Amino acid sequence: MNIDQSTTMSRRLAGLARLVRLLCILLALLQLGYFLLSWVFVESSQVGPVAVSFWPRGLAVGAVAGLAPALRWSGLACALPALLLLGYALWRLDLMLRACARGQMFARRTVGHLKAFAAGLLGTLVLTIVEPALRALVWKVGFGDSGRSVNVGVSSEELTLVLICALFFLLASMMHEARRIAEDNEGFV
């Protein structure tokens, strides 16, 4: 590979990293918006001929609007850790993508960012699955609200996400090994 091809690949990688970083920002903003529309601004709205409603997992459409303020805010507090962990995971992905754009794909820190992203994403998934049960428990024990049932479920999309997280861990291990081999080979030259 000559210098021109290497420069072209670096530019292409930097452009792709920028695109994924923009998608991460968009995802973070959409998740924040969905969270706020589900817990804080819960009234349905009309967008042209389409009615738009947002609701938290495990609750029926419009259920949050009928909750007492203490129940609503405690439900928000139960859901907040998953949102914050997702924000952390996306931040670590952003750091990894910046490092890749600078050509530091196999650096120890870059591999660490990838592992932290995968762990954060997996943690977010676990918190999202557990959150409805935690919310029901808090409402029952803390507020005496025994009228709500606990709904915990795992979708095929979430199981696929677990596989993707495992793949990211494998990829990070491969990147770490590639860096180690490159360092070993430098010693022979």
Protein backbone atom coordinates (compact mmCIF):
# COMPACT_ATOMS: atom_id res chain seq x y z
CA MET A 1 0.00 0.00 0.00
CA ASN A 2 1.46 3.36 -0.98
CA ILE A 3 1.17 6.68 0.84
CA ASP A 4 -1.69 7.96 -1.37
CA GLN A 5 -3.81 4.88 -0.66
CA SER A 6 -3.07 5.13 3.06
CA THR A 7 -4.06 8.80 3.11
CA THR A 8 -7.29 8.05 1.22
CA MET A 9 -8.14 5.28 3.70
CA SER A 10 -7.40 7.59 6.64
CA ARG A 11 -9.67 10.28 5.21
CA ARG A 12 -12.42 7.75 4.55
CA LEU A 13 -12.11 6.39 8.09
CA ALA A 14 -12.16 9.90 9.56
CA GLY A 15 -15.27 10.74 7.54
CA LEU A 16 -17.00 7.56 8.60
CA ALA A 17 -16.05 8.19 12.24
CA ARG A 18 -17.55 11.70 11.96
CA LEU A 19 -20.78 10.25 10.56
CA VAL A 20 -21.07 7.69 13.37
CA ARG A 21 -20.31 10.41 15.94
CA LEU A 22 -23.16 12.49 14.51
CA LEU A 23 -25.46 9.46 14.70
CA CYS A 24 -24.44 8.99 18.35
CA ILE A 25 -25.34 12.59 19.12
CA LEU A 26 -28.67 12.15 17.34
CA LEU A 27 -29.36 8.94 19.28
CA ALA A 28 -28.49 10.62 22.59
CA LEU A 29 -30.82 13.54 21.83
CA LEU A 30 -33.62 11.22 20.72
CA GLN A 31 -33.26 9.11 23.87
CA LEU A 32 -33.29 12.22 26.05
CA GLY A 33 -36.34 13.52 24.21
CA TYR A 34 -38.16 10.20 24.53
CA PHE A 35 -37.32 10.05 28.24
CA LEU A 36 -38.62 13.57 28.86
CA LEU A 37 -41.74 13.04 26.74
CA SER A 38 -42.44 9.76 28.57
CA TRP A 39 -42.05 11.05 32.13
CA VAL A 40 -42.26 14.86 32.21
CA PHE A 41 -44.28 16.10 29.23
CA VAL A 42 -46.71 13.20 29.08
CA GLU A 43 -49.69 14.67 27.29
CA SER A 44 -50.35 13.30 23.83
CA SER A 45 -49.92 15.74 21.01
CA GLN A 46 -51.19 16.06 17.51
CA VAL A 47 -48.77 16.37 14.60
CA GLY A 48 -50.99 17.05 11.62
CA PRO A 49 -53.39 14.14 11.29
CA VAL A 50 -51.24 11.89 13.51
CA ALA A 51 -51.61 11.57 17.28
CA VAL A 52 -48.25 11.15 19.02
CA SER A 53 -47.87 9.52 22.44
CA PHE A 54 -44.83 8.45 24.43
CA TRP A 55 -44.90 6.13 27.42
CA PRO A 56 -42.42 4.26 29.57
CA ARG A 57 -41.82 0.56 29.20
CA GLY A 58 -44.21 -1.53 31.25
CA LEU A 59 -46.93 1.11 31.48
CA ALA A 60 -49.99 1.59 29.34
CA VAL A 61 -50.41 4.54 27.00
CA GLY A 62 -51.48 7.57 29.03
CA ALA A 63 -50.83 5.88 32.39
CA VAL A 64 -48.14 8.36 33.44
CA ALA A 65 -50.50 11.31 33.05
CA GLY A 66 -52.79 9.76 35.68
CA LEU A 67 -50.02 9.14 38.21
CA ALA A 68 -49.63 11.13 41.41
CA PRO A 69 -46.58 13.42 41.23
CA ALA A 70 -44.64 11.29 43.75
CA LEU A 71 -45.20 8.17 41.65
CA ARG A 72 -44.24 9.98 38.46
CA TRP A 73 -41.01 11.40 39.89
CA SER A 74 -40.02 8.12 41.55
CA GLY A 75 -40.66 6.33 38.24
CA LEU A 76 -38.46 8.89 36.51
CA ALA A 77 -35.75 8.31 39.14
CA CYS A 78 -35.91 4.54 38.53
CA ALA A 79 -35.53 5.05 34.77
CA LEU A 80 -32.78 7.68 34.97
CA PRO A 81 -29.78 5.35 35.62
CA ALA A 82 -30.32 3.55 32.29
CA LEU A 83 -30.40 6.88 30.45
CA LEU A 84 -27.26 8.12 32.21
CA LEU A 85 -25.40 4.87 31.54
CA LEU A 86 -26.38 5.06 27.87
CA GLY A 87 -25.01 8.61 27.81
CA TYR A 88 -21.74 7.35 29.31
CA ALA A 89 -21.54 4.52 26.76
CA LEU A 90 -22.12 6.92 23.86
CA TRP A 91 -19.49 9.30 25.25
CA ARG A 92 -16.94 6.46 25.36
CA LEU A 93 -17.89 5.50 21.80
CA ASP A 94 -17.33 9.10 20.76
CA LEU A 95 -13.86 9.05 22.36
CA MET A 96 -13.06 5.81 20.54
CA LEU A 97 -14.21 7.22 17.20
CA ARG A 98 -12.11 10.36 17.70
CA ALA A 99 -9.06 8.22 18.40
CA CYS A 100 -9.73 6.11 15.30
CA ALA A 101 -10.05 9.26 13.19
CA ARG A 102 -6.59 10.28 14.45
CA GLY A 103 -5.21 6.90 13.36
CA GLN A 104 -4.94 5.45 16.88
CA MET A 105 -7.15 2.42 16.17
CA PHE A 106 -5.07 -0.09 18.10
CA ALA A 107 -3.95 2.09 20.99
CA ARG A 108 -4.61 0.76 24.47
CA ARG A 109 -6.84 3.72 25.29
CA THR A 110 -8.93 3.17 22.13
CA VAL A 111 -9.46 -0.48 23.01
CA GLY A 112 -10.44 0.62 26.52
CA HIS A 113 -13.02 3.02 25.09
CA LEU A 114 -14.50 0.23 22.98
CA LYS A 115 -14.72 -2.10 25.99
CA ALA A 116 -16.28 0.65 28.13
CA PHE A 117 -18.82 1.35 25.38
CA ALA A 118 -19.78 -2.33 25.14
CA ALA A 119 -20.02 -2.65 28.93
CA GLY A 120 -22.08 0.54 29.16
CA LEU A 121 -24.42 -0.63 26.43
CA LEU A 122 -24.84 -4.01 28.11
CA GLY A 123 -25.43 -2.32 31.47
CA THR A 124 -28.02 -0.04 29.89
CA LEU A 125 -29.79 -3.08 28.49
CA VAL A 126 -29.86 -4.78 31.90
CA LEU A 127 -31.10 -1.62 33.63
CA THR A 128 -33.79 -1.16 30.99
CA ILE A 129 -35.04 -4.71 31.49
CA VAL A 130 -34.98 -4.47 35.30
CA GLU A 131 -36.40 -0.93 35.54
CA PRO A 132 -40.13 -1.81 35.30
CA ALA A 133 -39.81 -4.34 38.13
CA LEU A 134 -37.79 -1.90 40.23
CA ARG A 135 -40.37 0.81 39.58
CA ALA A 136 -43.23 -1.46 40.64
CA LEU A 137 -41.32 -2.44 43.79
CA VAL A 138 -40.59 1.19 44.70
CA TRP A 139 -44.21 2.12 44.13
CA LYS A 140 -45.45 -0.81 46.19
CA VAL A 141 -43.03 -0.51 49.11
CA GLY A 142 -42.53 3.23 49.12
CA PHE A 143 -46.00 4.45 48.24
CA GLY A 144 -48.30 1.51 48.98
CA ASP A 145 -49.40 1.28 45.37
CA SER A 146 -50.30 -2.38 45.11
CA GLY A 147 -52.54 -2.03 42.06
CA ARG A 148 -49.74 -2.37 39.53
CA SER A 149 -48.43 -5.65 38.28
CA VAL A 150 -44.78 -6.27 37.49
CA ASN A 151 -44.12 -6.69 33.79
CA VAL A 152 -40.62 -7.83 32.87
CA GLY A 153 -39.88 -9.00 29.38
CA VAL A 154 -37.00 -9.44 27.00
CA SER A 155 -37.46 -8.86 23.30
CA SER A 156 -35.58 -10.47 20.45
CA GLU A 157 -34.02 -7.07 19.74
CA GLU A 158 -32.59 -7.00 23.25
CA LEU A 159 -31.18 -10.49 22.87
CA THR A 160 -29.61 -9.40 19.59
CA LEU A 161 -28.10 -6.43 21.41
CA VAL A 162 -26.49 -8.81 23.94
CA LEU A 163 -24.89 -10.63 21.00
CA ILE A 164 -23.67 -7.34 19.54
CA CYS A 165 -22.14 -6.36 22.90
CA ALA A 166 -20.34 -9.71 23.04
CA LEU A 167 -19.09 -9.07 19.50
CA PHE A 168 -17.74 -5.66 20.58
CA PHE A 169 -15.85 -7.31 23.45
CA LEU A 170 -14.40 -9.84 21.00
CA LEU A 171 -13.44 -7.06 18.59
CA ALA A 172 -11.75 -5.12 21.40
CA SER A 173 -9.78 -8.22 22.38
CA MET A 174 -8.72 -8.68 18.75
CA MET A 175 -7.61 -5.04 18.57
CA HIS A 176 -5.60 -5.47 21.76
CA GLU A 177 -3.95 -8.63 20.39
CA ALA A 178 -3.16 -6.91 17.06
CA ARG A 179 -1.46 -4.08 18.95
CA ARG A 180 0.55 -6.58 21.01
CA ILE A 181 1.67 -8.46 17.89
CA ALA A 182 2.66 -5.20 16.19
CA GLU A 183 4.75 -4.26 19.23
CA ASP A 184 6.41 -7.70 19.20
CA ASN A 185 7.19 -7.37 15.49
CA GLU A 186 8.77 -3.95 16.03
CA GLY A 187 11.33 -5.64 18.25
CA PHE A 188 12.46 -7.90 15.39
CA VAL A 189 13.00 -5.11 12.87
